């Protein structure tokens, strides 16, 4: 974009995309059933940093599954800005604490650790998965990335064989 926008015979047009990516939490997993847990994990992920560093500022945080450029978007949905302290508080309220001092949250003897699946061959998604791993580590949640071939990821998603899954991006055609 930077190189092409410098050419006097070219005009660069920047416009919103009709696609987004997300983390899907498997609600069959008891760790993700409570809304407050999912909100805590969202609060602990610095989505603006991801946009700025990996998407070169070409992106926006989307609150909810319907893009702001579509008629059905609800502009009154709550936002969840980056706030790791509130995330820690929410997790503690749900019983997740570092009871043994090892740096990881636990509850009933179980460490808060999960696998986050995404697809191989998409470097941005792979990099985002690593950033999410680092960000959640800061609040004591262990993320184990699992980078899979696209067809395996889609099959796992369809069969709901995942703890958390990153991306399966959606695109809305005009």
C-alpha atoms as a PDB file:
ATOM      1  CA  UNK A   1       0.000   0.000   0.000  1.00  0.00           C
ATOM      2  CA  UNK A   2       2.721   2.458   0.994  1.00  0.00           C
ATOM      3  CA  UNK A   3       4.695   1.844  -2.206  1.00  0.00           C
ATOM      4  CA  UNK A   4       1.702   1.949  -4.530  1.00  0.00           C
ATOM      5  CA  UNK A   5       0.171   5.044  -2.939  1.00  0.00           C
ATOM      6  CA  UNK A   6       3.330   7.003  -3.840  1.00  0.00           C
ATOM      7  CA  UNK A   7       2.771   6.590  -7.601  1.00  0.00           C
ATOM      8  CA  UNK A   8       1.176   9.690  -9.105  1.00  0.00           C
ATOM      9  CA  UNK A   9      -0.757   7.653 -11.687  1.00  0.00           C
ATOM     10  CA  UNK A  10      -2.404   5.492  -9.032  1.00  0.00           C
ATOM     11  CA  UNK A  11      -5.087   6.399  -6.557  1.00  0.00           C
ATOM     12  CA  UNK A  12      -5.259   4.309  -3.389  1.00  0.00           C
ATOM     13  CA  UNK A  13      -8.727   3.666  -2.041  1.00  0.00           C
ATOM     14  CA  UNK A  14      -9.067   2.330   1.492  1.00  0.00           C
ATOM     15  CA  UNK A  15     -12.465   0.990   2.476  1.00  0.00           C
ATOM     16  CA  UNK A  16     -13.851  -1.365   5.108  1.00  0.00           C
ATOM     17  CA  UNK A  17     -13.718  -5.059   4.380  1.00  0.00           C
ATOM     18  CA  UNK A  18     -16.690  -7.339   4.766  1.00  0.00           C
ATOM     19  CA  UNK A  19     -14.710  -9.968   6.656  1.00  0.00           C
ATOM     20  CA  UNK A  20     -13.617 -10.622  10.204  1.00  0.00           C
ATOM     21  CA  UNK A  21     -11.880 -13.233  12.285  1.00  0.00           C
ATOM     22  CA  UNK A  22     -12.625 -14.326  15.810  1.00  0.00           C
ATOM     23  CA  UNK A  23     -11.865 -16.798  18.568  1.00  0.00           C
ATOM     24  CA  UNK A  24     -14.560 -19.407  18.981  1.00  0.00           C
ATOM     25  CA  UNK A  25     -14.830 -20.797  22.499  1.00  0.00           C
ATOM     26  CA  UNK A  26     -16.315 -24.284  22.695  1.00  0.00           C
ATOM     27  CA  UNK A  27     -19.236 -23.782  25.064  1.00  0.00           C
ATOM     28  CA  UNK A  28     -19.364 -27.530  25.689  1.00  0.00           C
ATOM     29  CA  UNK A  29     -16.130 -27.014  27.643  1.00  0.00           C
ATOM     30  CA  UNK A  30     -17.014 -26.069  31.249  1.00  0.00           C
ATOM     31  CA  UNK A  31     -14.236 -23.432  31.333  1.00  0.00           C
ATOM     32  CA  UNK A  32     -15.924 -21.379  28.611  1.00  0.00           C
ATOM     33  CA  UNK A  33     -19.589 -21.731  29.585  1.00  0.00           C
ATOM     34  CA  UNK A  34     -19.611 -18.684  31.840  1.00  0.00           C
ATOM     35  CA  UNK A  35     -19.910 -15.398  30.008  1.00  0.00           C
ATOM     36  CA  UNK A  36     -17.632 -13.679  32.533  1.00  0.00           C
ATOM     37  CA  UNK A  37     -14.780 -16.087  31.649  1.00  0.00           C
ATOM     38  CA  UNK A  38     -15.132 -15.360  27.929  1.00  0.00           C
ATOM     39  CA  UNK A  39     -15.273 -11.641  28.670  1.00  0.00           C
ATOM     40  CA  UNK A  40     -12.146 -11.906  30.832  1.00  0.00           C
ATOM     41  CA  UNK A  41     -10.211 -13.609  28.057  1.00  0.00           C
ATOM     42  CA  UNK A  42     -11.340 -10.930  25.594  1.00  0.00           C
ATOM     43  CA  UNK A  43     -10.286  -8.167  28.007  1.00  0.00           C
ATOM     44  CA  UNK A  44      -6.824  -9.750  28.303  1.00  0.00           C
ATOM     45  CA  UNK A  45      -6.189  -9.710  24.543  1.00  0.00           C
ATOM     46  CA  UNK A  46      -4.882  -6.412  23.218  1.00  0.00           C
ATOM     47  CA  UNK A  47      -6.739  -6.477  19.913  1.00  0.00           C
ATOM     48  CA  UNK A  48      -5.623  -2.968  18.941  1.00  0.00           C
ATOM     49  CA  UNK A  49      -1.978  -4.018  19.333  1.00  0.00           C
ATOM     50  CA  UNK A  50      -2.642  -6.972  17.027  1.00  0.00           C
ATOM     51  CA  UNK A  51      -4.216  -4.668  14.424  1.00  0.00           C
ATOM     52  CA  UNK A  52      -1.401  -2.129  14.676  1.00  0.00           C
ATOM     53  CA  UNK A  53       1.496  -4.583  14.597  1.00  0.00           C
ATOM     54  CA  UNK A  54       0.321  -7.349  12.273  1.00  0.00           C
ATOM     55  CA  UNK A  55      -2.362  -5.738  10.131  1.00  0.00           C
ATOM     56  CA  UNK A  56      -0.380  -2.512   9.747  1.00  0.00           C
ATOM     57  CA  UNK A  57      -3.337  -0.563  11.140  1.00  0.00           C
ATOM     58  CA  UNK A  58      -5.648  -1.863   8.386  1.00  0.00           C
ATOM     59  CA  UNK A  59      -8.361  -3.171  10.637  1.00  0.00           C
ATOM     60  CA  UNK A  60     -10.844  -2.284  13.310  1.00  0.00           C
ATOM     61  CA  UNK A  61     -12.042  -4.010  16.442  1.00  0.00           C
ATOM     62  CA  UNK A  62     -15.464  -5.442  15.770  1.00  0.00           C
ATOM     63  CA  UNK A  63     -17.886  -5.721  18.682  1.00  0.00           C
ATOM     64  CA  UNK A  64     -20.123  -8.637  17.806  1.00  0.00           C
ATOM     65  CA  UNK A  65     -20.638 -10.909  14.820  1.00  0.00           C
ATOM     66  CA  UNK A  66     -22.252  -8.356  12.491  1.00  0.00           C
ATOM     67  CA  UNK A  67     -19.953  -5.846  10.858  1.00  0.00           C
ATOM     68  CA  UNK A  68     -20.617  -2.121  11.401  1.00  0.00           C
ATOM     69  CA  UNK A  69     -20.979  -1.569   7.644  1.00  0.00           C
ATOM     70  CA  UNK A  70     -24.033  -3.869   7.505  1.00  0.00           C
ATOM     71  CA  UNK A  71     -27.594  -2.747   8.215  1.00  0.00           C
ATOM     72  CA  UNK A  72     -28.138  -5.393  10.929  1.00  0.00           C
ATOM     73  CA  UNK A  73     -25.220  -4.198  13.086  1.00  0.00           C
ATOM     74  CA  UNK A  74     -26.161  -3.239  16.630  1.00  0.00           C
ATOM     75  CA  UNK A  75     -24.148  -0.128  17.585  1.00  0.00           C
ATOM     76  CA  UNK A  76     -25.186  -0.507  21.231  1.00  0.00           C
ATOM     77  CA  UNK A  77     -23.250  -3.696  21.967  1.00  0.00           C
ATOM     78  CA  UNK A  78     -20.846  -3.422  24.904  1.00  0.00           C
ATOM     79  CA  UNK A  79     -17.171  -3.023  24.101  1.00  0.00           C
ATOM     80  CA  UNK A  80     -14.400  -4.920  25.813  1.00  0.00           C
ATOM     81  CA  UNK A  81     -11.264  -2.771  25.725  1.00  0.00           C
ATOM     82  CA  UNK A  82      -7.903  -4.194  26.664  1.00  0.00           C
ATOM     83  CA  UNK A  83      -7.950  -4.377  30.464  1.00  0.00           C
ATOM     84  CA  UNK A  84      -5.896  -7.229  31.956  1.00  0.00           C
ATOM     85  CA  UNK A  85      -6.584  -6.120  35.550  1.00  0.00           C
ATOM     86  CA  UNK A  86     -10.337  -6.445  35.082  1.00  0.00           C
ATOM     87  CA  UNK A  87      -9.720  -9.759  33.314  1.00  0.00           C
ATOM     88  CA  UNK A  88      -7.829 -11.057  36.361  1.00  0.00           C
ATOM     89  CA  UNK A  89     -10.611  -9.864  38.648  1.00  0.00           C
ATOM     90  CA  UNK A  90     -13.300 -11.578  36.575  1.00  0.00           C
ATOM     91  CA  UNK A  91     -11.333 -14.828  36.588  1.00  0.00           C
ATOM     92  CA  UNK A  92     -10.813 -14.618  40.353  1.00  0.00           C
ATOM     93  CA  UNK A  93     -14.545 -14.026  40.833  1.00  0.00           C
ATOM     94  CA  UNK A  94     -15.127 -17.296  38.968  1.00  0.00           C
ATOM     95  CA  UNK A  95     -12.677 -19.142  41.219  1.00  0.00           C
ATOM     96  CA  UNK A  96      -9.528 -19.069  39.055  1.00  0.00           C
ATOM     97  CA  UNK A  97      -6.518 -18.192  41.225  1.00  0.00           C
ATOM     98  CA  UNK A  98      -2.827 -19.048  41.351  1.00  0.00           C
ATOM     99  CA  UNK A  99      -3.078 -21.180  44.494  1.00  0.00           C
ATOM    100  CA  UNK A 100       0.371 -22.783  44.213  1.00  0.00           C
ATOM    101  CA  UNK A 101       2.408 -19.734  43.146  1.00  0.00           C
ATOM    102  CA  UNK A 102       3.538 -21.197  39.802  1.00  0.00           C
ATOM    103  CA  UNK A 103       2.209 -18.252  37.772  1.00  0.00           C
ATOM    104  CA  UNK A 104      -0.744 -20.180  36.307  1.00  0.00           C
ATOM    105  CA  UNK A 105      -4.344 -19.863  37.387  1.00  0.00           C
ATOM    106  CA  UNK A 106      -6.003 -22.985  38.690  1.00  0.00           C
ATOM    107  CA  UNK A 107      -9.351 -24.069  40.039  1.00  0.00           C
ATOM    108  CA  UNK A 108     -10.181 -27.328  41.812  1.00  0.00           C
ATOM    109  CA  UNK A 109      -6.644 -28.543  41.064  1.00  0.00           C
ATOM    110  CA  UNK A 110      -6.979 -27.882  37.311  1.00  0.00           C
ATOM    111  CA  UNK A 111      -4.663 -25.428  35.577  1.00  0.00           C
ATOM    112  CA  UNK A 112      -6.381 -22.952  33.230  1.00  0.00           C
ATOM    113  CA  UNK A 113      -4.801 -24.259  30.047  1.00  0.00           C
ATOM    114  CA  UNK A 114      -6.330 -24.820  26.653  1.00  0.00           C
ATOM    115  CA  UNK A 115      -5.446 -25.513  23.038  1.00  0.00           C
ATOM    116  CA  UNK A 116      -6.093 -22.776  20.492  1.00  0.00           C
ATOM    117  CA  UNK A 117      -6.396 -24.168  16.978  1.00  0.00           C
ATOM    118  CA  UNK A 118      -5.832 -22.216  13.772  1.00  0.00           C
ATOM    119  CA  UNK A 119      -4.843 -22.986  10.207  1.00  0.00           C
ATOM    120  CA  UNK A 120      -1.411 -23.505   8.765  1.00  0.00           C
ATOM    121  CA  UNK A 121      -0.408 -21.423   5.779  1.00  0.00           C
ATOM    122  CA  UNK A 122      -1.809 -18.133   7.050  1.00  0.00           C
ATOM    123  CA  UNK A 123       1.158 -16.396   8.651  1.00  0.00           C
ATOM    124  CA  UNK A 124      -0.932 -13.591  10.151  1.00  0.00           C
ATOM    125  CA  UNK A 125      -3.218 -16.068  11.955  1.00  0.00           C
ATOM    126  CA  UNK A 126      -0.216 -18.043  13.169  1.00  0.00           C
ATOM    127  CA  UNK A 127       1.406 -14.844  14.468  1.00  0.00           C
ATOM    128  CA  UNK A 128      -1.824 -13.676  16.113  1.00  0.00           C
ATOM    129  CA  UNK A 129      -2.114 -17.045  17.861  1.00  0.00           C
ATOM    130  CA  UNK A 130       1.377 -16.577  19.335  1.00  0.00           C
ATOM    131  CA  UNK A 131       0.529 -13.020  20.442  1.00  0.00           C
ATOM    132  CA  UNK A 132      -2.636 -14.300  22.127  1.00  0.00           C
ATOM    133  CA  UNK A 133      -0.561 -16.979  23.860  1.00  0.00           C
ATOM    134  CA  UNK A 134       1.780 -14.288  25.217  1.00  0.00           C
ATOM    135  CA  UNK A 135      -1.043 -11.949  26.263  1.00  0.00           C
ATOM    136  CA  UNK A 136      -3.005 -14.612  28.138  1.00  0.00           C
ATOM    137  CA  UNK A 137       0.174 -15.846  29.825  1.00  0.00           C
ATOM    138  CA  UNK A 138       0.362 -12.387  31.435  1.00  0.00           C
ATOM    139  CA  UNK A 139      -2.859 -13.118  33.340  1.00  0.00           C
ATOM    140  CA  UNK A 140      -1.919 -16.724  34.180  1.00  0.00           C
ATOM    141  CA  UNK A 141      -3.773 -18.583  31.415  1.00  0.00           C
ATOM    142  CA  UNK A 142      -1.808 -21.086  29.351  1.00  0.00           C
ATOM    143  CA  UNK A 143      -2.547 -21.245  25.620  1.00  0.00           C
ATOM    144  CA  UNK A 144      -1.181 -24.168  23.615  1.00  0.00           C
ATOM    145  CA  UNK A 145      -1.218 -23.255  19.896  1.00  0.00           C
ATOM    146  CA  UNK A 146      -2.158 -26.029  17.485  1.00  0.00           C
ATOM    147  CA  UNK A 147      -1.509 -25.097  13.849  1.00  0.00           C
ATOM    148  CA  UNK A 148      -3.406 -27.436  11.517  1.00  0.00           C
ATOM    149  CA  UNK A 149      -3.984 -27.961   7.811  1.00  0.00           C
ATOM    150  CA  UNK A 150      -7.093 -26.075   6.684  1.00  0.00           C
ATOM    151  CA  UNK A 151      -9.220 -29.170   5.977  1.00  0.00           C
ATOM    152  CA  UNK A 152      -8.421 -30.653   9.393  1.00  0.00           C
ATOM    153  CA  UNK A 153      -9.288 -27.369  11.104  1.00  0.00           C
ATOM    154  CA  UNK A 154     -12.614 -27.145   9.251  1.00  0.00           C
ATOM    155  CA  UNK A 155     -13.430 -30.768  10.132  1.00  0.00           C
ATOM    156  CA  UNK A 156     -12.549 -30.189  13.794  1.00  0.00           C
ATOM    157  CA  UNK A 157     -14.704 -27.059  13.791  1.00  0.00           C
ATOM    158  CA  UNK A 158     -17.659 -28.834  12.201  1.00  0.00           C
ATOM    159  CA  UNK A 159     -17.423 -31.710  14.703  1.00  0.00           C
ATOM    160  CA  UNK A 160     -16.845 -29.216  17.543  1.00  0.00           C
ATOM    161  CA  UNK A 161     -13.577 -30.980  18.390  1.00  0.00           C
ATOM    162  CA  UNK A 162     -11.738 -27.995  19.792  1.00  0.00           C
ATOM    163  CA  UNK A 163     -11.352 -26.099  23.040  1.00  0.00           C
ATOM    164  CA  UNK A 164     -10.846 -22.775  21.283  1.00  0.00           C
ATOM    165  CA  UNK A 165     -10.439 -22.042  17.594  1.00  0.00           C
ATOM    166  CA  UNK A 166      -9.005 -18.959  15.983  1.00  0.00           C
ATOM    167  CA  UNK A 167     -10.338 -17.636  12.829  1.00  0.00           C
ATOM    168  CA  UNK A 168     -12.504 -19.496  10.421  1.00  0.00           C
ATOM    169  CA  UNK A 169     -12.894 -15.958   9.082  1.00  0.00           C
ATOM    170  CA  UNK A 170     -16.236 -14.867   7.753  1.00  0.00           C
ATOM    171  CA  UNK A 171     -16.728 -12.902   4.573  1.00  0.00           C
ATOM    172  CA  UNK A 172     -19.975 -11.302   3.486  1.00  0.00           C
ATOM    173  CA  UNK A 173     -20.303 -10.725  -0.253  1.00  0.00           C
ATOM    174  CA  UNK A 174     -22.084  -7.662  -1.512  1.00  0.00           C
END
